[in-house]
Amino acid sequence: VEDLADIALRQRVLRDMSELSLQTELFGRSLAMPVALAPVG
């Protein structure tokens, strides 16, 4: 958790972000976002 929280990103402005998509393709399947639920016993 801590190492990931320490990752700093570059902020950019005035980039016209009116069209933004989270969609991706994984193993031949379209996903609405780049996330899957992991196996939890």
PDB file of all heavy atoms in Angstrom:
ATOM      1  N   VAL A   1       0.827  -1.206   0.000  1.00  0.00           N
ATOM      2  CA  VAL A   1       0.000   0.000   0.000  1.00  0.00           C
ATOM      3  C   VAL A   1       0.860   1.254   0.000  1.00  0.00           C
ATOM      4  O   VAL A   1       0.630   2.192  -0.785  1.00  0.00           O
ATOM      5  CB  VAL A   1      -0.953  -0.015   1.214  1.00  0.00           C
ATOM      6  CG1 VAL A   1      -1.762   1.277   1.283  1.00  0.00           C
ATOM      7  CG2 VAL A   1      -1.882  -1.224   1.155  1.00  0.00           C
ATOM      8  N   GLU A   2       1.868   1.282   0.854  1.00  0.00           N
ATOM      9  CA  GLU A   2       2.665   2.503   1.025  1.00  0.00           C
ATOM     10  C   GLU A   2       3.507   2.824  -0.208  1.00  0.00           C
ATOM     11  O   GLU A   2       3.578   3.984  -0.631  1.00  0.00           O
ATOM     12  CB  GLU A   2       3.558   2.354   2.256  1.00  0.00           C
ATOM     13  CG  GLU A   2       2.771   2.298   3.568  1.00  0.00           C
ATOM     14  CD  GLU A   2       3.611   1.836   4.738  1.00  0.00           C
ATOM     15  OE1 GLU A   2       4.819   1.538   4.520  1.00  0.00           O
ATOM     16  OE2 GLU A   2       3.076   1.755   5.864  1.00  0.00           O
ATOM     17  N   ASP A   3       4.160   1.809  -0.789  1.00  0.00           N
ATOM     18  CA  ASP A   3       4.993   2.062  -1.967  1.00  0.00           C
ATOM     19  C   ASP A   3       4.153   2.552  -3.136  1.00  0.00           C
ATOM     20  O   ASP A   3       4.578   3.432  -3.900  1.00  0.00           O
ATOM     21  CB  ASP A   3       5.756   0.795  -2.367  1.00  0.00           C
ATOM     22  CG  ASP A   3       6.881   0.461  -1.405  1.00  0.00           C
ATOM     23  OD1 ASP A   3       7.155   1.275  -0.505  1.00  0.00           O
ATOM     24  OD2 ASP A   3       7.488  -0.627  -1.552  1.00  0.00           O
ATOM     25  N   LEU A   4       2.966   1.985  -3.286  1.00  0.00           N
ATOM     26  CA  LEU A   4       2.099   2.419  -4.375  1.00  0.00           C
ATOM     27  C   LEU A   4       1.618   3.843  -4.135  1.00  0.00           C
ATOM     28  O   LEU A   4       1.554   4.652  -5.073  1.00  0.00           O
ATOM     29  CB  LEU A   4       0.912   1.455  -4.504  1.00  0.00           C
ATOM     30  CG  LEU A   4       0.021   1.598  -5.746  1.00  0.00           C
ATOM     31  CD1 LEU A   4       0.837   1.536  -7.032  1.00  0.00           C
ATOM     32  CD2 LEU A   4      -1.055   0.522  -5.748  1.00  0.00           C
ATOM     33  N   ALA A   5       1.297   4.172  -2.897  1.00  0.00           N
ATOM     34  CA  ALA A   5       0.852   5.529  -2.577  1.00  0.00           C
ATOM     35  C   ALA A   5       1.949   6.557  -2.798  1.00  0.00           C
ATOM     36  O   ALA A   5       1.668   7.747  -3.017  1.00  0.00           O
ATOM     37  CB  ALA A   5       0.366   5.595  -1.132  1.00  0.00           C
ATOM     38  N   ASP A   6       3.214   6.138  -2.749  1.00  0.00           N
ATOM     39  CA  ASP A   6       4.335   7.053  -2.943  1.00  0.00           C
ATOM     40  C   ASP A   6       4.614   7.371  -4.412  1.00  0.00           C
ATOM     41  O   ASP A   6       5.447   8.234  -4.711  1.00  0.00           O
ATOM     42  CB  ASP A   6       5.613   6.478  -2.319  1.00  0.00           C
ATOM     43  CG  ASP A   6       5.640   6.625  -0.807  1.00  0.00           C
ATOM     44  OD1 ASP A   6       4.864   7.451  -0.285  1.00  0.00           O
ATOM     45  OD2 ASP A   6       6.424   5.909  -0.156  1.00  0.00           O
ATOM     46  N   ILE A   7       3.959   6.670  -5.325  1.00  0.00           N
ATOM     47  CA  ILE A   7       4.179   6.925  -6.744  1.00  0.00           C
ATOM     48  C   ILE A   7       3.583   8.273  -7.113  1.00  0.00           C
ATOM     49  O   ILE A   7       2.378   8.497  -6.981  1.00  0.00           O
ATOM     50  CB  ILE A   7       3.560   5.819  -7.613  1.00  0.00           C
ATOM     51  CG1 ILE A   7       4.138   4.458  -7.263  1.00  0.00           C
ATOM     52  CG2 ILE A   7       3.753   6.128  -9.105  1.00  0.00           C
ATOM     53  CD1 ILE A   7       5.618   4.331  -7.453  1.00  0.00           C
ATOM     54  N   ALA A   8       4.427   9.182  -7.579  1.00  0.00           N
ATOM     55  CA  ALA A   8       3.980  10.527  -7.942  1.00  0.00           C
ATOM     56  C   ALA A   8       3.751  10.613  -9.452  1.00  0.00           C
ATOM     57  O   ALA A   8       4.566  10.128 -10.244  1.00  0.00           O
ATOM     58  CB  ALA A   8       5.026  11.563  -7.523  1.00  0.00           C
ATOM     59  N   LEU A   9       2.643  11.211  -9.854  1.00  0.00           N
ATOM     60  CA  LEU A   9       2.291  11.368 -11.263  1.00  0.00           C
ATOM     61  C   LEU A   9       2.494  12.811 -11.712  1.00  0.00           C
ATOM     62  O   LEU A   9       2.433  13.743 -10.907  1.00  0.00           O
ATOM     63  CB  LEU A   9       0.829  10.962 -11.482  1.00  0.00           C
ATOM     64  CG  LEU A   9       0.447   9.536 -11.072  1.00  0.00           C
ATOM     65  CD1 LEU A   9      -1.049   9.322 -11.259  1.00  0.00           C
ATOM     66  CD2 LEU A   9       1.236   8.508 -11.872  1.00  0.00           C
ATOM     67  N   ARG A  10       2.722  12.987 -12.999  1.00  0.00           N
ATOM     68  CA  ARG A  10       2.867  14.327 -13.584  1.00  0.00           C
ATOM     69  C   ARG A  10       1.489  14.921 -13.857  1.00  0.00           C
ATOM     70  O   ARG A  10       0.705  14.344 -14.589  1.00  0.00           O
ATOM     71  CB  ARG A  10       3.634  14.263 -14.900  1.00  0.00           C
ATOM     72  CG  ARG A  10       5.073  13.810 -14.791  1.00  0.00           C
ATOM     73  CD  ARG A  10       5.679  13.663 -16.176  1.00  0.00           C
ATOM     74  NE  ARG A  10       5.677  14.926 -16.913  1.00  0.00           N
ATOM     75  CZ  ARG A  10       5.757  15.010 -18.242  1.00  0.00           C
ATOM     76  NH1 ARG A  10       5.784  13.915 -18.975  1.00  0.00           N
ATOM     77  NH2 ARG A  10       5.767  16.192 -18.827  1.00  0.00           N
ATOM     78  N   GLN A  11       1.213  16.060 -13.276  1.00  0.00           N
ATOM     79  CA  GLN A  11      -0.052  16.733 -13.580  1.00  0.00           C
ATOM     80  C   GLN A  11       0.113  17.570 -14.840  1.00  0.00           C
ATOM     81  O   GLN A  11       1.078  18.312 -14.984  1.00  0.00           O
ATOM     82  CB  GLN A  11      -0.478  17.637 -12.418  1.00  0.00           C
ATOM     83  CG  GLN A  11      -1.782  18.369 -12.684  1.00  0.00           C
ATOM     84  CD  GLN A  11      -2.335  19.046 -11.452  1.00  0.00           C
ATOM     85  OE1 GLN A  11      -2.610  18.378 -10.459  1.00  0.00           O
ATOM     86  NE2 GLN A  11      -2.510  20.354 -11.513  1.00  0.00           N
ATOM     87  N   ARG A  12      -0.843  17.434 -15.761  1.00  0.00           N
ATOM     88  CA  ARG A  12      -0.850  18.200 -17.006  1.00  0.00           C
ATOM     89  C   ARG A  12      -2.181  18.945 -17.114  1.00  0.00           C
ATOM     90  O   ARG A  12      -3.220  18.444 -16.657  1.00  0.00           O
ATOM     91  CB  ARG A  12      -0.677  17.272 -18.216  1.00  0.00           C
ATOM     92  CG  ARG A  12       0.583  16.404 -18.179  1.00  0.00           C
ATOM     93  CD  ARG A  12       1.862  17.225 -18.186  1.00  0.00           C
ATOM     94  NE  ARG A  12       1.918  18.144 -19.318  1.00  0.00           N
ATOM     95  CZ  ARG A  12       2.341  17.797 -20.548  1.00  0.00           C
ATOM     96  NH1 ARG A  12       2.703  16.541 -20.789  1.00  0.00           N
ATOM     97  NH2 ARG A  12       2.378  18.693 -21.514  1.00  0.00           N
ATOM     98  N   VAL A  13      -2.162  20.122 -17.749  1.00  0.00           N
ATOM     99  CA  VAL A  13      -3.371  20.951 -17.840  1.00  0.00           C
ATOM    100  C   VAL A  13      -3.620  21.392 -19.277  1.00  0.00           C
ATOM    101  O   VAL A  13      -2.730  21.306 -20.142  1.00  0.00           O
ATOM    102  CB  VAL A  13      -3.258  22.188 -16.924  1.00  0.00           C
ATOM    103  CG1 VAL A  13      -3.137  21.757 -15.464  1.00  0.00           C
ATOM    104  CG2 VAL A  13      -2.048  23.045 -17.310  1.00  0.00           C
ATOM    105  N   LEU A  14      -4.835  21.840 -19.531  1.00  0.00           N
ATOM    106  CA  LEU A  14      -5.249  22.391 -20.829  1.00  0.00           C
ATOM    107  C   LEU A  14      -4.995  21.392 -21.965  1.00  0.00           C
ATOM    108  O   LEU A  14      -4.414  21.725 -23.001  1.00  0.00           O
ATOM    109  CB  LEU A  14      -4.527  23.720 -21.107  1.00  0.00           C
ATOM    110  CG  LEU A  14      -4.723  24.817 -20.040  1.00  0.00           C
ATOM    111  CD1 LEU A  14      -3.881  26.041 -20.370  1.00  0.00           C
ATOM    112  CD2 LEU A  14      -6.190  25.188 -19.922  1.00  0.00           C
ATOM    113  N   ARG A  15      -5.468  20.159 -21.770  1.00  0.00           N
ATOM    114  CA  ARG A  15      -5.204  19.088 -22.727  1.00  0.00           C
ATOM    115  C   ARG A  15      -6.460  18.631 -23.474  1.00  0.00           C
ATOM    116  O   ARG A  15      -6.405  17.661 -24.204  1.00  0.00           O
ATOM    117  CB  ARG A  15      -4.615  17.873 -21.981  1.00  0.00           C
ATOM    118  CG  ARG A  15      -3.377  18.183 -21.138  1.00  0.00           C
ATOM    119  CD  ARG A  15      -2.149  18.380 -21.950  1.00  0.00           C
ATOM    120  NE  ARG A  15      -1.694  17.114 -22.535  1.00  0.00           N
ATOM    121  CZ  ARG A  15      -0.615  17.006 -23.295  1.00  0.00           C
ATOM    122  NH1 ARG A  15       0.097  18.085 -23.597  1.00  0.00           N
ATOM    123  NH2 ARG A  15      -0.271  15.833 -23.780  1.00  0.00           N
ATOM    124  N   ASP A  16      -7.590  19.305 -23.298  1.00  0.00           N
ATOM    125  CA  ASP A  16      -8.873  18.919 -23.897  1.00  0.00           C
ATOM    126  C   ASP A  16      -9.187  17.455 -23.597  1.00  0.00           C
ATOM    127  O   ASP A  16      -9.004  16.561 -24.428  1.00  0.00           O
ATOM    128  CB  ASP A  16      -8.874  19.146 -25.413  1.00  0.00           C
ATOM    129  CG  ASP A  16     -10.255  18.829 -26.029  1.00  0.00           C
ATOM    130  OD1 ASP A  16     -11.213  18.603 -25.257  1.00  0.00           O
ATOM    131  OD2 ASP A  16     -10.366  18.789 -27.260  1.00  0.00           O
ATOM    132  N   MET A  17      -9.699  17.222 -22.409  1.00  0.00           N
ATOM    133  CA  MET A  17     -10.006  15.868 -21.951  1.00  0.00           C
ATOM    134  C   MET A  17     -11.505  15.570 -22.038  1.00  0.00           C
ATOM    135  O   MET A  17     -12.043  14.770 -21.271  1.00  0.00           O
ATOM    136  CB  MET A  17      -9.511  15.692 -20.511  1.00  0.00           C
ATOM    137  CG  MET A  17      -8.009  15.902 -20.354  1.00  0.00           C
ATOM    138  SD  MET A  17      -7.039  14.766 -21.360  1.00  0.00           S
ATOM    139  CE  MET A  17      -7.477  13.214 -20.596  1.00  0.00           C
ATOM    140  N   SER A  18     -12.178  16.194 -22.999  1.00  0.00           N
ATOM    141  CA  SER A  18     -13.626  16.004 -23.132  1.00  0.00           C
ATOM    142  C   SER A  18     -13.979  14.581 -23.560  1.00  0.00           C
ATOM    143  O   SER A  18     -15.079  14.100 -23.282  1.00  0.00           O
ATOM    144  CB  SER A  18     -14.207  17.010 -24.134  1.00  0.00           C
ATOM    145  OG  SER A  18     -13.542  16.916 -25.388  1.00  0.00           O
ATOM    146  N   GLU A  19     -13.084  13.895 -24.242  1.00  0.00           N
ATOM    147  CA  GLU A  19     -13.313  12.504 -24.633  1.00  0.00           C
ATOM    148  C   GLU A  19     -12.276  11.622 -23.951  1.00  0.00           C
ATOM    149  O   GLU A  19     -11.089  11.712 -24.225  1.00  0.00           O
ATOM    150  CB  GLU A  19     -13.220  12.346 -26.152  1.00  0.00           C
ATOM    151  CG  GLU A  19     -14.311  13.089 -26.916  1.00  0.00           C
ATOM    152  CD  GLU A  19     -14.272  12.803 -28.398  1.00  0.00           C
ATOM    153  OE1 GLU A  19     -13.508  11.896 -28.804  1.00  0.00           O
ATOM    154  OE2 GLU A  19     -14.983  13.489 -29.144  1.00  0.00           O
ATOM    155  N   LEU A  20     -12.768  10.774 -23.050  1.00  0.00           N
ATOM    156  CA  LEU A  20     -11.883   9.938 -22.236  1.00  0.00           C
ATOM    157  C   LEU A  20     -12.484   8.540 -22.155  1.00  0.00           C
ATOM    158  O   LEU A  20     -13.694   8.389 -21.987  1.00  0.00           O
ATOM    159  CB  LEU A  20     -11.749  10.565 -20.843  1.00  0.00           C
ATOM    160  CG  LEU A  20     -10.730   9.993 -19.864  1.00  0.00           C
ATOM    161  CD1 LEU A  20     -10.254  11.083 -18.913  1.00  0.00           C
ATOM    162  CD2 LEU A  20     -11.339   8.850 -19.068  1.00  0.00           C
ATOM    163  N   SER A  21     -11.654   7.522 -22.280  1.00  0.00           N
ATOM    164  CA  SER A  21     -12.155   6.147 -22.276  1.00  0.00           C
ATOM    165  C   SER A  21     -11.325   5.271 -21.346  1.00  0.00           C
ATOM    166  O   SER A  21     -10.093   5.341 -21.331  1.00  0.00           O
ATOM    167  CB  SER A  21     -12.103   5.561 -23.692  1.00  0.00           C
ATOM    168  OG  SER A  21     -12.463   4.188 -23.675  1.00  0.00           O
ATOM    169  N   LEU A  22     -12.038   4.432 -20.572  1.00  0.00           N
ATOM    170  CA  LEU A  22     -11.386   3.450 -19.708  1.00  0.00           C
ATOM    171  C   LEU A  22     -11.380   2.060 -20.337  1.00  0.00           C
ATOM    172  O   LEU A  22     -10.850   1.120 -19.750  1.00  0.00           O
ATOM    173  CB  LEU A  22     -12.118   3.356 -18.360  1.00  0.00           C
ATOM    174  CG  LEU A  22     -12.307   4.632 -17.550  1.00  0.00           C
ATOM    175  CD1 LEU A  22     -12.973   4.300 -16.215  1.00  0.00           C
ATOM    176  CD2 LEU A  22     -10.992   5.344 -17.317  1.00  0.00           C
ATOM    177  N   GLN A  23     -11.953   1.912 -21.503  1.00  0.00           N
ATOM    178  CA  GLN A  23     -12.112   0.587 -22.109  1.00  0.00           C
ATOM    179  C   GLN A  23     -10.783  -0.023 -22.525  1.00  0.00           C
ATOM    180  O   GLN A  23      -9.850   0.683 -22.915  1.00  0.00           O
ATOM    181  CB  GLN A  23     -13.035   0.668 -23.321  1.00  0.00           C
ATOM    182  CG  GLN A  23     -14.498   0.858 -22.966  1.00  0.00           C
ATOM    183  CD  GLN A  23     -15.398   0.662 -24.169  1.00  0.00           C
ATOM    184  OE1 GLN A  23     -15.052   1.056 -25.278  1.00  0.00           O
ATOM    185  NE2 GLN A  23     -16.553   0.046 -23.957  1.00  0.00           N
ATOM    186  N   THR A  24     -10.739  -1.348 -22.434  1.00  0.00           N
ATOM    187  CA  THR A  24      -9.552  -2.082 -22.851  1.00  0.00           C
ATOM    188  C   THR A  24      -9.974  -3.463 -23.337  1.00  0.00           C
ATOM    189  O   THR A  24     -11.135  -3.852 -23.208  1.00  0.00           O
ATOM    190  CB  THR A  24      -8.548  -2.218 -21.688  1.00  0.00           C
ATOM    191  OG1 THR A  24      -7.304  -2.737 -22.179  1.00  0.00           O
ATOM    192  CG2 THR A  24      -9.075  -3.138 -20.596  1.00  0.00           C
ATOM    193  N   GLU A  25      -9.032  -4.187 -23.918  1.00  0.00           N
ATOM    194  CA  GLU A  25      -9.276  -5.562 -24.341  1.00  0.00           C
ATOM    195  C   GLU A  25      -8.270  -6.462 -23.659  1.00  0.00           C
ATOM    196  O   GLU A  25      -7.070  -6.157 -23.606  1.00  0.00           O
ATOM    197  CB  GLU A  25      -9.180  -5.706 -25.856  1.00  0.00           C
ATOM    198  CG  GLU A  25      -9.542  -7.111 -26.340  1.00  0.00           C
ATOM    199  CD  GLU A  25      -9.579  -7.231 -27.857  1.00  0.00           C
ATOM    200  OE1 GLU A  25     -10.231  -6.396 -28.494  1.00  0.00           O
ATOM    201  OE2 GLU A  25      -8.942  -8.168 -28.368  1.00  0.00           O
ATOM    202  N   LEU A  26      -8.759  -7.567 -23.118  1.00  0.00           N
ATOM    203  CA  LEU A  26      -7.894  -8.493 -22.386  1.00  0.00           C
ATOM    204  C   LEU A  26      -8.302  -9.915 -22.728  1.00  0.00           C
ATOM    205  O   LEU A  26      -9.465 -10.298 -22.535  1.00  0.00           O
ATOM    206  CB  LEU A  26      -8.039  -8.236 -20.877  1.00  0.00           C
ATOM    207  CG  LEU A  26      -6.891  -8.643 -19.958  1.00  0.00           C
ATOM    208  CD1 LEU A  26      -5.600  -7.940 -20.344  1.00  0.00           C
ATOM    209  CD2 LEU A  26      -7.251  -8.334 -18.508  1.00  0.00           C
ATOM    210  N   PHE A  27      -7.373 -10.671 -23.271  1.00  0.00           N
ATOM    211  CA  PHE A  27      -7.602 -12.077 -23.631  1.00  0.00           C
ATOM    212  C   PHE A  27      -8.836 -12.236 -24.527  1.00  0.00           C
ATOM    213  O   PHE A  27      -9.688 -13.099 -24.312  1.00  0.00           O
ATOM    214  CB  PHE A  27      -7.724 -12.934 -22.370  1.00  0.00           C
ATOM    215  CG  PHE A  27      -6.597 -12.743 -21.399  1.00  0.00           C
ATOM    216  CD1 PHE A  27      -6.823 -12.389 -20.075  1.00  0.00           C
ATOM    217  CD2 PHE A  27      -5.273 -12.889 -21.818  1.00  0.00           C
ATOM    218  CE1 PHE A  27      -5.778 -12.197 -19.194  1.00  0.00           C
ATOM    219  CE2 PHE A  27      -4.212 -12.694 -20.942  1.00  0.00           C
ATOM    220  CZ  PHE A  27      -4.468 -12.344 -19.627  1.00  0.00           C
ATOM    221  N   GLY A  28      -8.907 -11.351 -25.520  1.00  0.00           N
ATOM    222  CA  GLY A  28      -9.963 -11.432 -26.510  1.00  0.00           C
ATOM    223  C   GLY A  28     -11.313 -10.921 -26.062  1.00  0.00           C
ATOM    224  O   GLY A  28     -12.317 -11.132 -26.752  1.00  0.00           O
ATOM    225  N   ARG A  29     -11.355 -10.249 -24.958  1.00  0.00           N
ATOM    226  CA  ARG A  29     -12.622  -9.760 -24.415  1.00  0.00           C
ATOM    227  C   ARG A  29     -12.527  -8.272 -24.107  1.00  0.00           C
ATOM    228  O   ARG A  29     -11.521  -7.794 -23.576  1.00  0.00           O
ATOM    229  CB  ARG A  29     -12.959 -10.535 -23.142  1.00  0.00           C
ATOM    230  CG  ARG A  29     -14.187 -10.038 -22.416  1.00  0.00           C
ATOM    231  CD  ARG A  29     -14.456 -10.925 -21.225  1.00  0.00           C
ATOM    232  NE  ARG A  29     -15.410 -10.336 -20.300  1.00  0.00           N
ATOM    233  CZ  ARG A  29     -15.700 -10.832 -19.109  1.00  0.00           C
ATOM    234  NH1 ARG A  29     -15.096 -11.939 -18.697  1.00  0.00           N
ATOM    235  NH2 ARG A  29     -16.581 -10.240 -18.332  1.00  0.00           N
ATOM    236  N   SER A  30     -13.564  -7.537 -24.447  1.00  0.00           N
ATOM    237  CA  SER A  30     -13.615  -6.114 -24.158  1.00  0.00           C
ATOM    238  C   SER A  30     -14.058  -5.893 -22.714  1.00  0.00           C
ATOM    239  O   SER A  30     -15.041  -6.479 -22.256  1.00  0.00           O
ATOM    240  CB  SER A  30     -14.591  -5.417 -25.116  1.00  0.00           C
ATOM    241  OG  SER A  30     -14.680  -4.036 -24.824  1.00  0.00           O
ATOM    242  N   LEU A  31     -13.324  -5.062 -21.989  1.00  0.00           N
ATOM    243  CA  LEU A  31     -13.641  -4.734 -20.606  1.00  0.00           C
ATOM    244  C   LEU A  31     -13.929  -3.240 -20.492  1.00  0.00           C
ATOM    245  O   LEU A  31     -13.290  -2.420 -21.162  1.00  0.00           O
ATOM    246  CB  LEU A  31     -12.483  -5.099 -19.669  1.00  0.00           C
ATOM    247  CG  LEU A  31     -12.041  -6.565 -19.627  1.00  0.00           C
ATOM    248  CD1 LEU A  31     -10.874  -6.726 -18.658  1.00  0.00           C
ATOM    249  CD2 LEU A  31     -13.189  -7.477 -19.229  1.00  0.00           C
ATOM    250  N   ALA A  32     -14.862  -2.888 -19.619  1.00  0.00           N
ATOM    251  CA  ALA A  32     -15.234  -1.493 -19.437  1.00  0.00           C
ATOM    252  C   ALA A  32     -14.140  -0.689 -18.755  1.00  0.00           C
ATOM    253  O   ALA A  32     -14.082   0.541 -18.894  1.00  0.00           O
ATOM    254  CB  ALA A  32     -16.533  -1.393 -18.636  1.00  0.00           C
ATOM    255  N   MET A  33     -13.261  -1.361 -18.023  1.00  0.00           N
ATOM    256  CA  MET A  33     -12.127  -0.715 -17.371  1.00  0.00           C
ATOM    257  C   MET A  33     -11.054  -1.772 -17.146  1.00  0.00           C
ATOM    258  O   MET A  33     -11.359  -2.977 -17.159  1.00  0.00           O
ATOM    259  CB  MET A  33     -12.552  -0.056 -16.049  1.00  0.00           C
ATOM    260  CG  MET A  33     -13.229  -0.990 -15.080  1.00  0.00           C
ATOM    261  SD  MET A  33     -14.089  -0.154 -13.697  1.00  0.00           S
ATOM    262  CE  MET A  33     -12.740   0.580 -12.816  1.00  0.00           C
ATOM    263  N   PRO A  34      -9.797  -1.365 -16.945  1.00  0.00           N
ATOM    264  CA  PRO A  34      -8.700  -2.347 -16.856  1.00  0.00           C
ATOM    265  C   PRO A  34      -8.602  -2.994 -15.478  1.00  0.00           C
ATOM    266  O   PRO A  34      -7.562  -2.978 -14.818  1.00  0.00           O
ATOM    267  CB  PRO A  34      -7.466  -1.489 -17.161  1.00  0.00           C
ATOM    268  CG  PRO A  34      -7.824  -0.142 -16.609  1.00  0.00           C
ATOM    269  CD  PRO A  34      -9.302   0.018 -16.888  1.00  0.00           C
ATOM    270  N   VAL A  35      -9.701  -3.587 -15.052  1.00  0.00           N
ATOM    271  CA  VAL A  35      -9.825  -4.147 -13.707  1.00  0.00           C
ATOM    272  C   VAL A  35     -10.556  -5.477 -13.795  1.00  0.00           C
ATOM    273  O   VAL A  35     -11.495  -5.628 -14.580  1.00  0.00           O
ATOM    274  CB  VAL A  35     -10.614  -3.179 -12.793  1.00  0.00           C
ATOM    275  CG1 VAL A  35     -10.968  -3.846 -11.470  1.00  0.00           C
ATOM    276  CG2 VAL A  35      -9.833  -1.892 -12.549  1.00  0.00           C
ATOM    277  N   ALA A  36     -10.113  -6.441 -13.002  1.00  0.00           N
ATOM    278  CA  ALA A  36     -10.851  -7.694 -12.812  1.00  0.00           C
ATOM    279  C   ALA A  36     -10.869  -7.996 -11.322  1.00  0.00           C
ATOM    280  O   ALA A  36     -10.003  -7.528 -10.569  1.00  0.00           O
ATOM    281  CB  ALA A  36     -10.206  -8.836 -13.584  1.00  0.00           C
ATOM    282  N   LEU A  37     -11.864  -8.751 -10.885  1.00  0.00           N
ATOM    283  CA  LEU A  37     -11.919  -9.157  -9.481  1.00  0.00           C
ATOM    284  C   LEU A  37     -11.069 -10.402  -9.294  1.00  0.00           C
ATOM    285  O   LEU A  37     -11.213 -11.378 -10.026  1.00  0.00           O
ATOM    286  CB  LEU A  37     -13.363  -9.416  -9.049  1.00  0.00           C
ATOM    287  CG  LEU A  37     -14.330  -8.234  -9.179  1.00  0.00           C
ATOM    288  CD1 LEU A  37     -15.671  -8.578  -8.536  1.00  0.00           C
ATOM    289  CD2 LEU A  37     -13.760  -6.951  -8.594  1.00  0.00           C
ATOM    290  N   ALA A  38     -10.196 -10.356  -8.313  1.00  0.00           N
ATOM    291  CA  ALA A  38      -9.222 -11.417  -8.078  1.00  0.00           C
ATOM    292  C   ALA A  38      -9.865 -12.614  -7.379  1.00  0.00           C
ATOM    293  O   ALA A  38     -10.920 -12.492  -6.754  1.00  0.00           O
ATOM    294  CB  ALA A  38      -8.078 -10.880  -7.214  1.00  0.00           C
ATOM    295  N   PRO A  39      -9.217 -13.777  -7.460  1.00  0.00           N
ATOM    296  CA  PRO A  39      -9.703 -14.932  -6.700  1.00  0.00           C
ATOM    297  C   PRO A  39      -9.403 -14.740  -5.216  1.00  0.00           C
ATOM    298  O   PRO A  39      -8.261 -14.463  -4.839  1.00  0.00           O
ATOM    299  CB  PRO A  39      -8.896 -16.095  -7.278  1.00  0.00           C
ATOM    300  CG  PRO A  39      -7.636 -15.460  -7.790  1.00  0.00           C
ATOM    301  CD  PRO A  39      -8.023 -14.094  -8.264  1.00  0.00           C
ATOM    302  N   VAL A  40     -10.417 -14.858  -4.393  1.00  0.00           N
ATOM    303  CA  VAL A  40     -10.260 -14.748  -2.938  1.00  0.00           C
ATOM    304  C   VAL A  40     -10.940 -15.950  -2.300  1.00  0.00           C
ATOM    305  O   VAL A  40     -12.147 -16.160  -2.484  1.00  0.00           O
ATOM    306  CB  VAL A  40     -10.871 -13.439  -2.397  1.00  0.00           C
ATOM    307  CG1 VAL A  40     -10.744 -13.389  -0.864  1.00  0.00           C
ATOM    308  CG2 VAL A  40     -10.195 -12.223  -3.024  1.00  0.00           C
ATOM    309  N   GLY A  41     -10.185 -16.750  -1.576  1.00  0.00           N
ATOM    310  CA  GLY A  41     -10.739 -17.923  -0.929  1.00  0.00           C
ATOM    311  C   GLY A  41     -11.806 -17.567   0.096  1.00  0.00           C
ATOM    312  O   GLY A  41     -11.733 -16.533   0.766  1.00  0.00           O
TER     313      GLY A  41
END
